[in-house]
Amino acid sequence: MLIRHGETPSNVKHALDSRPPGPSLTEMGHRQAQALADRLADEQVIAVYASIATRAQETAEPVAKRHGLNVDVVEGLHEVQAGDLEGRSDEEALRGFGEVYMRWTQGDLAATMPGGETGEEIRERYLATLERICRSHSHGLVVVVSHGGIIRLAAEWLADNIGAQVANAKLLPNTGHVLLEQRPSGWHCLEWTGIEV
């Protein structure tokens, strides 16, 4: 299960905030993290991972605590890097970010965020990290707390039933999740924040 972190001050301001470790959660974000732990209380969670961003670790902590686990912090799960657009919330920056992001969802992985990463670099680091995590677990629910932009990309790249239209829809709220299942034919998305796919 890929889960987006809880609310941060940058989310409230609609600012591009990708550089780890980044800010802590807001009070609302901490409440969201606790509600997430409550939602997953009856699930067979066997491992909890988080990106190197503070907000992801703070979101993962209540889930891990509920199941008597530690949060494993791993490189490679951090957000798409905004590069030269970091910290900006103006219309021009958001539009520029969105244009490059859309190119990635449409298969142009050579496209580069200004001063940031190419789609290919993002795909390589994120999917390789997920693969290492999956190799460590053969059953049960693995929770990976990460970031909205990169989760939507990963869902499209991995799942046989998720396309660019869903990845571009931006419908992954704070502590929203994408539930993936590995099948003999590859990955399949079962649920997108409570909605069966």
Protein backbone atom coordinates (compact mmCIF):
# COMPACT_ATOMS: atom_id res chain seq x y z
CA MET A 1 0.00 0.00 0.00
CA LEU A 2 1.43 3.36 -1.09
CA ILE A 3 0.26 6.19 1.18
CA ARG A 4 0.69 9.92 0.83
CA HIS A 5 1.90 11.78 3.92
CA GLY A 6 -0.33 13.99 6.05
CA GLU A 7 -0.83 17.73 5.62
CA THR A 8 2.15 20.11 5.78
CA PRO A 9 2.32 23.92 5.84
CA SER A 10 3.40 23.82 2.18
CA ASN A 11 0.27 21.84 1.28
CA VAL A 12 -1.84 24.56 2.86
CA LYS A 13 -0.02 27.24 0.82
CA HIS A 14 -0.03 25.08 -2.37
CA ALA A 15 3.75 25.49 -2.54
CA LEU A 16 6.12 23.13 -4.34
CA ASP A 17 8.03 21.52 -1.48
CA SER A 18 10.08 18.51 -2.49
CA ARG A 19 13.54 18.83 -0.97
CA PRO A 20 14.02 16.45 1.98
CA PRO A 21 13.91 16.43 4.90
CA GLY A 22 11.33 19.19 4.53
CA PRO A 23 8.75 20.42 7.06
CA SER A 24 6.89 18.58 9.78
CA LEU A 25 3.18 17.89 9.64
CA THR A 26 0.64 20.50 10.67
CA GLU A 27 -1.69 19.80 13.58
CA MET A 28 -4.19 18.60 10.99
CA GLY A 29 -1.49 16.39 9.47
CA HIS A 30 -0.85 14.72 12.82
CA ARG A 31 -4.58 14.09 13.23
CA GLN A 32 -4.65 12.61 9.73
CA ALA A 33 -1.74 10.33 10.61
CA GLN A 34 -3.55 9.10 13.71
CA ALA A 35 -6.73 8.53 11.69
CA LEU A 36 -4.68 6.54 9.19
CA ALA A 37 -3.40 4.32 12.00
CA ASP A 38 -7.00 3.81 13.13
CA ARG A 39 -8.07 2.89 9.56
CA LEU A 40 -5.33 0.28 9.31
CA ALA A 41 -5.70 -1.08 12.86
CA ASP A 42 -7.37 -4.32 11.76
CA GLU A 43 -5.13 -4.94 8.74
CA GLN A 44 -2.27 -7.45 8.78
CA VAL A 45 0.46 -4.83 8.49
CA ILE A 46 3.83 -6.58 8.55
CA ALA A 47 6.17 -3.68 7.73
CA VAL A 48 6.09 0.11 7.58
CA TYR A 49 8.43 2.13 5.38
CA ALA A 50 8.82 5.88 4.91
CA SER A 51 10.78 8.21 2.70
CA ILE A 52 13.60 10.35 4.07
CA ALA A 53 11.20 13.30 4.36
CA THR A 54 10.14 14.25 7.89
CA ARG A 55 6.47 14.44 6.91
CA ALA A 56 6.47 10.83 5.65
CA GLN A 57 8.13 9.53 8.80
CA GLU A 58 5.72 11.41 11.07
CA THR A 59 2.79 9.96 9.11
CA ALA A 60 4.18 6.42 9.27
CA GLU A 61 4.96 6.47 13.00
CA PRO A 62 1.41 6.02 14.39
CA VAL A 63 0.76 3.15 11.95
CA ALA A 64 3.97 1.39 12.95
CA LYS A 65 3.30 1.93 16.66
CA ARG A 66 -0.22 0.49 16.35
CA HIS A 67 1.24 -2.73 14.94
CA GLY A 68 4.31 -2.94 17.20
CA LEU A 69 6.68 -2.18 14.33
CA ASN A 70 9.47 0.27 13.60
CA VAL A 71 9.44 2.70 10.68
CA ASP A 72 12.11 1.73 8.17
CA VAL A 73 13.35 4.93 6.52
CA VAL A 74 14.74 4.30 3.05
CA GLU A 75 16.31 6.35 0.29
CA GLY A 76 14.61 6.46 -3.08
CA LEU A 77 11.02 7.00 -1.93
CA HIS A 78 11.18 10.80 -1.74
CA GLU A 79 9.05 13.12 -3.84
CA VAL A 80 9.61 14.23 -7.42
CA GLN A 81 12.18 16.99 -7.03
CA ALA A 82 10.86 20.43 -7.99
CA GLY A 83 14.39 21.71 -8.73
CA ASP A 84 14.40 25.42 -9.62
CA LEU A 85 10.69 25.63 -8.78
CA GLU A 86 11.24 24.59 -5.14
CA GLY A 87 9.27 26.68 -2.65
CA ARG A 88 7.22 28.49 -5.27
CA SER A 89 3.42 28.67 -5.30
CA ASP A 90 2.86 31.13 -8.14
CA GLU A 91 0.78 30.17 -11.17
CA GLU A 92 3.75 30.10 -13.53
CA ALA A 93 5.70 27.64 -11.37
CA LEU A 94 2.73 25.36 -10.78
CA ARG A 95 1.92 25.35 -14.49
CA GLY A 96 5.54 24.59 -15.39
CA PHE A 97 5.67 21.73 -12.92
CA GLY A 98 2.39 20.35 -14.22
CA GLU A 99 3.51 20.48 -17.84
CA VAL A 100 6.63 18.41 -17.17
CA TYR A 101 4.68 16.01 -14.97
CA MET A 102 2.11 15.46 -17.72
CA ARG A 103 4.90 14.67 -20.18
CA TRP A 104 6.10 11.94 -17.82
CA THR A 105 2.63 10.40 -17.53
CA GLN A 106 2.42 10.37 -21.32
CA GLY A 107 5.67 8.44 -21.60
CA ASP A 108 8.24 11.18 -22.21
CA LEU A 109 10.62 10.18 -19.42
CA ALA A 110 13.47 12.21 -20.90
CA ALA A 111 11.64 15.39 -19.88
CA THR A 112 13.41 17.19 -17.04
CA MET A 113 12.02 19.31 -14.26
CA PRO A 114 14.02 22.58 -14.44
CA GLY A 115 17.02 21.99 -12.20
CA GLY A 116 15.52 18.67 -11.11
CA GLU A 117 15.21 15.08 -12.27
CA THR A 118 14.21 13.40 -15.48
CA GLY A 119 11.27 11.03 -15.49
CA GLU A 120 13.66 8.17 -16.12
CA GLU A 121 15.74 9.03 -13.02
CA ILE A 122 12.59 9.16 -10.91
CA ARG A 123 11.28 5.89 -12.30
CA GLU A 124 14.59 4.13 -11.75
CA ARG A 125 15.07 5.18 -8.12
CA TYR A 126 11.48 4.71 -7.00
CA LEU A 127 10.66 1.40 -8.66
CA ALA A 128 14.03 -0.09 -7.69
CA THR A 129 13.34 0.85 -4.07
CA LEU A 130 9.86 -0.68 -4.15
CA GLU A 131 11.28 -3.84 -5.69
CA ARG A 132 13.82 -4.17 -2.86
CA ILE A 133 11.05 -3.70 -0.30
CA CYS A 134 8.82 -6.31 -1.96
CA ARG A 135 11.62 -8.87 -2.08
CA SER A 136 11.84 -8.65 1.71
CA HIS A 137 8.20 -9.65 2.28
CA SER A 138 6.19 -12.55 0.91
CA HIS A 139 2.82 -12.00 2.61
CA GLY A 140 0.80 -9.45 4.55
CA LEU A 141 0.29 -5.74 4.01
CA VAL A 142 3.39 -3.60 3.51
CA VAL A 143 2.79 0.12 4.13
CA VAL A 144 4.99 2.58 2.26
CA VAL A 145 4.49 6.25 3.21
CA SER A 146 5.67 8.50 0.43
CA HIS A 147 4.44 11.46 -1.63
CA GLY A 148 1.50 12.26 -3.88
CA GLY A 149 3.26 13.12 -7.12
CA ILE A 150 5.56 10.15 -7.17
CA ILE A 151 2.88 7.69 -5.98
CA ARG A 152 0.62 8.66 -8.88
CA LEU A 153 3.48 8.12 -11.32
CA ALA A 154 4.44 4.78 -9.77
CA ALA A 155 0.84 3.56 -9.89
CA GLU A 156 0.73 4.28 -13.60
CA TRP A 157 4.11 2.66 -14.24
CA LEU A 158 3.32 -0.45 -12.20
CA ALA A 159 -0.39 -1.23 -12.41
CA ASP A 160 -1.97 -2.77 -15.49
CA ASN A 161 -5.22 -0.85 -14.87
CA ILE A 162 -3.91 2.68 -14.17
CA GLY A 163 -3.24 5.07 -17.03
CA ALA A 164 -2.14 8.66 -17.59
CA GLN A 165 -5.65 10.01 -17.08
CA VAL A 166 -5.75 8.75 -13.48
CA ALA A 167 -2.16 9.79 -12.75
CA ASN A 168 -2.89 13.31 -14.02
CA ALA A 169 -6.14 13.67 -12.09
CA LYS A 170 -4.27 14.73 -8.90
CA LEU A 171 -6.77 12.81 -6.79
CA LEU A 172 -4.60 11.64 -3.93
CA PRO A 173 -5.39 13.58 -0.75
CA ASN A 174 -3.19 13.71 2.32
CA THR A 175 -3.02 10.16 3.77
CA GLY A 176 -4.79 8.92 0.65
CA HIS A 177 -3.59 5.54 -0.58
CA VAL A 178 -3.11 3.32 -3.59
CA LEU A 179 -3.49 -0.39 -2.85
CA LEU A 180 -1.52 -2.60 -5.24
CA GLU A 181 -1.50 -6.37 -5.52
CA GLN A 182 1.20 -8.40 -7.21
CA ARG A 183 -0.19 -11.04 -9.56
CA PRO A 184 1.54 -13.52 -11.86
CA SER A 185 0.99 -11.10 -14.75
CA GLY A 186 2.30 -8.10 -12.80
CA TRP A 187 0.90 -5.40 -10.50
CA HIS A 188 -2.80 -4.55 -10.32
CA CYS A 189 -4.42 -1.61 -8.49
CA LEU A 190 -7.23 -2.79 -6.22
CA GLU A 191 -8.15 0.49 -4.57
CA TRP A 192 -7.49 4.21 -4.89
CA THR A 193 -8.25 5.97 -1.59
CA GLY A 194 -11.27 3.88 -0.74
CA ILE A 195 -12.56 3.47 -4.31
CA GLU A 196 -12.27 0.07 -5.90
CA VAL A 197 -10.57 0.25 -9.29
